[in-house]
Amino acid sequence: QVQLVESGGGSVQAGGSMTLSCRISGVATGRTCVGWYRKTPQEEREGIAAIDRDGATSVAESVKGRFTISRDTASDTVYLHMNNLQTDDTAMYYCATVEVSPWMCVPTVITTAPEPKWGQGTQVTVSS
């Protein structure tokens, strides 16, 4: 059974940085597509980063240059590094695994692939 547990959220002022963690069990990060998506207070969902089983990464245009995704295969943990946070980044952040081919492992597929597995989420609040 695949389980994901996110951590690292909280409150930060605009311009600050934060790193979210996602500990995964039940599947090795080196064997699946893992990504992060967020749900805004307006209930909009946006896939923002993904890392495929080979370690190739991609991020959404909206966060490019500010957010990066990485992983530690030894601990099956995936990270979302967020810099220069803005108030528009305020959202609930979720990590998810989806079963897709590596070339399909991109941020948008995190919210559109069938039968994703996701965690409980972690709240990020950015104040001005």
C-alpha atoms as a PDB file:
ATOM      1  CA  GLN A   1       0.000   0.000   0.000  1.00  0.00           C
ATOM      2  CA  VAL A   2       1.415   3.329  -1.075  1.00  0.00           C
ATOM      3  CA  GLN A   3       1.489   6.015   1.588  1.00  0.00           C
ATOM      4  CA  LEU A   4       2.778   9.572   1.379  1.00  0.00           C
ATOM      5  CA  VAL A   5       3.389  11.902   4.292  1.00  0.00           C
ATOM      6  CA  GLU A   6       4.119  15.558   3.665  1.00  0.00           C
ATOM      7  CA  SER A   7       5.808  17.870   6.137  1.00  0.00           C
ATOM      8  CA  GLY A   8       7.570  21.196   6.319  1.00  0.00           C
ATOM      9  CA  GLY A   9       4.741  23.634   5.709  1.00  0.00           C
ATOM     10  CA  GLY A  10       4.039  26.714   7.777  1.00  0.00           C
ATOM     11  CA  SER A  11       3.971  30.470   7.572  1.00  0.00           C
ATOM     12  CA  VAL A  12       6.592  32.643   5.948  1.00  0.00           C
ATOM     13  CA  GLN A  13       6.894  36.217   4.800  1.00  0.00           C
ATOM     14  CA  ALA A  14       7.030  37.093   1.146  1.00  0.00           C
ATOM     15  CA  GLY A  15      10.523  36.644  -0.214  1.00  0.00           C
ATOM     16  CA  GLY A  16      11.279  33.822   2.176  1.00  0.00           C
ATOM     17  CA  SER A  17      12.122  30.194   1.517  1.00  0.00           C
ATOM     18  CA  MET A  18      10.750  26.862   2.615  1.00  0.00           C
ATOM     19  CA  THR A  19      11.394  23.201   1.867  1.00  0.00           C
ATOM     20  CA  LEU A  20       8.622  20.624   1.920  1.00  0.00           C
ATOM     21  CA  SER A  21       9.301  16.921   2.382  1.00  0.00           C
ATOM     22  CA  CYS A  22       7.316  13.920   1.235  1.00  0.00           C
ATOM     23  CA  ARG A  23       8.189  10.564   2.729  1.00  0.00           C
ATOM     24  CA  ILE A  24       6.892   7.705   0.590  1.00  0.00           C
ATOM     25  CA  SER A  25       6.373   4.096   1.549  1.00  0.00           C
ATOM     26  CA  GLY A  26       5.041   1.211  -0.477  1.00  0.00           C
ATOM     27  CA  VAL A  27       6.858   2.204  -3.654  1.00  0.00           C
ATOM     28  CA  ALA A  28      10.433   3.202  -4.347  1.00  0.00           C
ATOM     29  CA  THR A  29      10.919   6.736  -5.649  1.00  0.00           C
ATOM     30  CA  GLY A  30      13.323   5.291  -8.185  1.00  0.00           C
ATOM     31  CA  ARG A  31      10.471   3.303  -9.718  1.00  0.00           C
ATOM     32  CA  THR A  32       7.679   5.855 -10.092  1.00  0.00           C
ATOM     33  CA  CYS A  33       6.735   9.397 -11.016  1.00  0.00           C
ATOM     34  CA  VAL A  34       6.409  11.695  -8.006  1.00  0.00           C
ATOM     35  CA  GLY A  35       5.199  15.244  -8.031  1.00  0.00           C
ATOM     36  CA  TRP A  36       3.815  18.120  -6.062  1.00  0.00           C
ATOM     37  CA  TYR A  37       0.591  19.961  -6.656  1.00  0.00           C
ATOM     38  CA  ARG A  38      -1.163  22.676  -4.729  1.00  0.00           C
ATOM     39  CA  LYS A  39      -4.723  23.640  -4.025  1.00  0.00           C
ATOM     40  CA  THR A  40      -5.381  27.320  -3.509  1.00  0.00           C
ATOM     41  CA  PRO A  41      -7.962  28.820  -1.142  1.00  0.00           C
ATOM     42  CA  GLN A  42     -10.105  29.247  -4.271  1.00  0.00           C
ATOM     43  CA  GLU A  43      -9.950  25.446  -4.734  1.00  0.00           C
ATOM     44  CA  GLU A  44      -7.836  25.655  -7.862  1.00  0.00           C
ATOM     45  CA  ARG A  45      -5.413  22.758  -8.347  1.00  0.00           C
ATOM     46  CA  GLU A  46      -2.082  23.215 -10.048  1.00  0.00           C
ATOM     47  CA  GLY A  47       0.632  20.674 -10.687  1.00  0.00           C
ATOM     48  CA  ILE A  48       3.888  22.426  -9.952  1.00  0.00           C
ATOM     49  CA  ALA A  49       6.779  19.941 -10.037  1.00  0.00           C
ATOM     50  CA  ALA A  50       7.573  16.371 -10.969  1.00  0.00           C
ATOM     51  CA  ILE A  51      10.494  13.965 -10.861  1.00  0.00           C
ATOM     52  CA  ASP A  52      10.503  10.771 -12.890  1.00  0.00           C
ATOM     53  CA  ARG A  53      11.949   7.420 -11.935  1.00  0.00           C
ATOM     54  CA  ASP A  54      15.232   8.276 -13.631  1.00  0.00           C
ATOM     55  CA  GLY A  55      15.588  11.530 -11.712  1.00  0.00           C
ATOM     56  CA  ALA A  56      14.638  13.938 -14.486  1.00  0.00           C
ATOM     57  CA  THR A  57      12.777  16.950 -13.103  1.00  0.00           C
ATOM     58  CA  SER A  58      10.373  19.540 -14.408  1.00  0.00           C
ATOM     59  CA  VAL A  59       8.521  22.477 -12.865  1.00  0.00           C
ATOM     60  CA  ALA A  60       5.556  24.552 -13.933  1.00  0.00           C
ATOM     61  CA  GLU A  61       6.154  27.866 -15.653  1.00  0.00           C
ATOM     62  CA  SER A  62       4.472  29.675 -12.764  1.00  0.00           C
ATOM     63  CA  VAL A  63       7.242  28.633 -10.355  1.00  0.00           C
ATOM     64  CA  LYS A  64      10.192  28.210 -12.682  1.00  0.00           C
ATOM     65  CA  GLY A  65      13.300  29.849 -11.295  1.00  0.00           C
ATOM     66  CA  ARG A  66      11.895  29.768  -7.744  1.00  0.00           C
ATOM     67  CA  PHE A  67      10.922  26.146  -7.018  1.00  0.00           C
ATOM     68  CA  THR A  68      12.916  22.959  -7.546  1.00  0.00           C
ATOM     69  CA  ILE A  69      12.189  19.318  -6.823  1.00  0.00           C
ATOM     70  CA  SER A  70      14.680  16.736  -5.647  1.00  0.00           C
ATOM     71  CA  ARG A  71      14.714  13.336  -4.008  1.00  0.00           C
ATOM     72  CA  ASP A  72      16.708  11.055  -1.766  1.00  0.00           C
ATOM     73  CA  THR A  73      16.202   7.517  -3.018  1.00  0.00           C
ATOM     74  CA  ALA A  74      17.857   6.053   0.077  1.00  0.00           C
ATOM     75  CA  SER A  75      15.037   7.340   2.254  1.00  0.00           C
ATOM     76  CA  ASP A  76      12.374   7.512  -0.496  1.00  0.00           C
ATOM     77  CA  THR A  77      11.818  11.159   0.272  1.00  0.00           C
ATOM     78  CA  VAL A  78      10.993  13.821  -2.277  1.00  0.00           C
ATOM     79  CA  TYR A  79      11.537  17.496  -1.572  1.00  0.00           C
ATOM     80  CA  LEU A  80      10.090  20.721  -2.895  1.00  0.00           C
ATOM     81  CA  HIS A  81      12.468  23.632  -2.439  1.00  0.00           C
ATOM     82  CA  MET A  82      10.696  26.956  -2.618  1.00  0.00           C
ATOM     83  CA  ASN A  83      12.481  30.280  -2.823  1.00  0.00           C
ATOM     84  CA  ASN A  84      11.274  33.859  -3.125  1.00  0.00           C
ATOM     85  CA  LEU A  85       7.808  32.850  -1.972  1.00  0.00           C
ATOM     86  CA  GLN A  86       4.946  35.156  -2.882  1.00  0.00           C
ATOM     87  CA  THR A  87       1.474  35.567  -1.449  1.00  0.00           C
ATOM     88  CA  ASP A  88       0.057  33.780  -4.516  1.00  0.00           C
ATOM     89  CA  ASP A  89       1.960  30.673  -3.395  1.00  0.00           C
ATOM     90  CA  THR A  90      -0.346  30.339  -0.397  1.00  0.00           C
ATOM     91  CA  ALA A  91      -2.000  26.942  -0.769  1.00  0.00           C
ATOM     92  CA  MET A  92      -2.261  23.419   0.537  1.00  0.00           C
ATOM     93  CA  TYR A  93       0.610  21.442  -0.990  1.00  0.00           C
ATOM     94  CA  TYR A  94       0.312  17.744  -1.736  1.00  0.00           C
ATOM     95  CA  CYS A  95       2.743  15.216  -3.090  1.00  0.00           C
ATOM     96  CA  ALA A  96       1.497  12.400  -5.247  1.00  0.00           C
ATOM     97  CA  THR A  97       2.694   9.370  -7.144  1.00  0.00           C
ATOM     98  CA  VAL A  98       1.301   8.477 -10.539  1.00  0.00           C
ATOM     99  CA  GLU A  99       1.993   5.487 -12.744  1.00  0.00           C
ATOM    100  CA  VAL A 100       3.066   6.963 -16.055  1.00  0.00           C
ATOM    101  CA  SER A 101       5.977   6.506 -18.400  1.00  0.00           C
ATOM    102  CA  PRO A 102       8.995   8.705 -17.618  1.00  0.00           C
ATOM    103  CA  TRP A 103       8.426  11.003 -20.610  1.00  0.00           C
ATOM    104  CA  MET A 104       4.916  11.697 -19.291  1.00  0.00           C
ATOM    105  CA  CYS A 105       6.091  12.596 -15.787  1.00  0.00           C
ATOM    106  CA  VAL A 106       5.479  16.363 -15.870  1.00  0.00           C
ATOM    107  CA  PRO A 107       3.693  18.711 -13.459  1.00  0.00           C
ATOM    108  CA  THR A 108       0.379  18.741 -15.302  1.00  0.00           C
ATOM    109  CA  VAL A 109       0.063  14.968 -15.193  1.00  0.00           C
ATOM    110  CA  ILE A 110       0.198  14.994 -11.410  1.00  0.00           C
ATOM    111  CA  THR A 111      -3.361  16.304 -11.338  1.00  0.00           C
ATOM    112  CA  THR A 112      -4.698  14.520 -14.429  1.00  0.00           C
ATOM    113  CA  ALA A 113      -3.335  10.973 -14.362  1.00  0.00           C
ATOM    114  CA  PRO A 114      -5.747   8.224 -13.319  1.00  0.00           C
ATOM    115  CA  GLU A 115      -5.579   6.747  -9.837  1.00  0.00           C
ATOM    116  CA  PRO A 116      -2.957   8.966  -8.251  1.00  0.00           C
ATOM    117  CA  LYS A 117      -1.884   8.359  -4.688  1.00  0.00           C
ATOM    118  CA  TRP A 118      -1.442  11.434  -2.537  1.00  0.00           C
ATOM    119  CA  GLY A 119      -0.802  12.429   1.035  1.00  0.00           C
ATOM    120  CA  GLN A 120      -2.730  14.536   3.502  1.00  0.00           C
ATOM    121  CA  GLY A 121      -1.083  17.768   2.395  1.00  0.00           C
ATOM    122  CA  THR A 122       0.773  20.513   4.192  1.00  0.00           C
ATOM    123  CA  GLN A 123      -0.301  24.140   4.378  1.00  0.00           C
ATOM    124  CA  VAL A 124       1.948  26.940   3.166  1.00  0.00           C
ATOM    125  CA  THR A 125       0.933  30.481   4.028  1.00  0.00           C
ATOM    126  CA  VAL A 126       2.860  33.449   2.655  1.00  0.00           C
ATOM    127  CA  SER A 127       2.184  36.853   4.146  1.00  0.00           C
ATOM    128  CA  SER A 128       3.106  40.223   2.684  1.00  0.00           C
END
